[in-house]
C-alpha atoms as a PDB file:
ATOM      1  CA  ALA A   1      -2.143   3.183  -4.960  1.00  0.00           C
ATOM      2  CA  ASP A   2      -0.282   6.329  -5.828  1.00  0.00           C
ATOM      3  CA  ASN A   3       0.575   8.879  -3.097  1.00  0.00           C
ATOM      4  CA  ALA A   4       0.394   6.213  -0.386  1.00  0.00           C
ATOM      5  CA  ILE A   5       2.667   8.215   1.921  1.00  0.00           C
ATOM      6  CA  ASN A   6       1.256  11.729   1.757  1.00  0.00           C
ATOM      7  CA  HIS A   7      -2.386  10.513   1.643  1.00  0.00           C
ATOM      8  CA  TYR A   8      -1.815   7.794   4.245  1.00  0.00           C
ATOM      9  CA  GLU A   9      -4.770   8.696   6.484  1.00  0.00           C
ATOM     10  CA  THR A  10      -7.203   8.640   3.546  1.00  0.00           C
ATOM     11  CA  LEU A  11      -5.805   5.367   2.171  1.00  0.00           C
ATOM     12  CA  LYS A  12      -5.213   3.702   5.571  1.00  0.00           C
ATOM     13  CA  PRO A  13      -8.172   1.256   5.382  1.00  0.00           C
ATOM     14  CA  MET A  14      -7.085   0.005   1.952  1.00  0.00           C
ATOM     15  CA  LEU A  15      -3.381  -0.066   2.867  1.00  0.00           C
ATOM     16  CA  ASP A  16      -4.072  -1.998   6.078  1.00  0.00           C
ATOM     17  CA  LYS A  17      -6.172  -4.534   4.196  1.00  0.00           C
ATOM     18  CA  ALA A  18      -3.524  -5.056   1.496  1.00  0.00           C
ATOM     19  CA  LEU A  19      -0.578  -5.162   3.906  1.00  0.00           C
ATOM     20  CA  ASN A  20      -2.307  -7.719   6.165  1.00  0.00           C
ATOM     21  CA  ASP A  21      -3.760  -9.972   3.451  1.00  0.00           C
ATOM     22  CA  ASP A  22      -1.999 -13.358   3.369  1.00  0.00           C
ATOM     23  CA  ARG A  23      -2.958 -13.793  -0.293  1.00  0.00           C
ATOM     24  CA  VAL A  24      -0.638 -10.995  -1.468  1.00  0.00           C
ATOM     25  CA  ASP A  25       2.837  -9.626  -0.904  1.00  0.00           C
ATOM     26  CA  ALA A  26       2.419  -5.891  -0.432  1.00  0.00           C
ATOM     27  CA  LEU A  27       4.643  -2.979   0.474  1.00  0.00           C
ATOM     28  CA  VAL A  28       4.723   0.776   0.167  1.00  0.00           C
ATOM     29  CA  VAL A  29       7.680   1.740  -2.008  1.00  0.00           C
ATOM     30  CA  PRO A  30       9.149   5.114  -0.948  1.00  0.00           C
ATOM     31  CA  ILE A  31       9.369   6.515  -4.477  1.00  0.00           C
ATOM     32  CA  GLY A  32       7.993  10.012  -4.895  1.00  0.00           C
ATOM     33  CA  LYS A  33       4.992  10.259  -2.590  1.00  0.00           C
ATOM     34  CA  GLY A  34       4.723   6.498  -2.128  1.00  0.00           C
ATOM     35  CA  GLU A  35       3.505   3.626  -4.290  1.00  0.00           C
ATOM     36  CA  LEU A  36       1.598   0.626  -2.989  1.00  0.00           C
ATOM     37  CA  LEU A  37       2.986  -2.435  -4.727  1.00  0.00           C
ATOM     38  CA  CYS A  38       1.105  -5.753  -4.486  1.00  0.00           C
ATOM     39  CA  ARG A  39       1.808  -9.195  -5.895  1.00  0.00           C
ATOM     40  CA  LYS A  40      -0.774 -11.971  -5.764  1.00  0.00           C
ATOM     41  CA  LEU A  41       0.613 -15.185  -4.275  1.00  0.00           C
END
């Protein structure tokens, strides 16, 4: 997801799901306005 930092409240449900899913490594990269980066395990 692009703009994961400045649109955090809008994207919160999706970010929470990705960040808490044991099937993926996920993090928000603080580049620009934030990029959600996920890698399937």
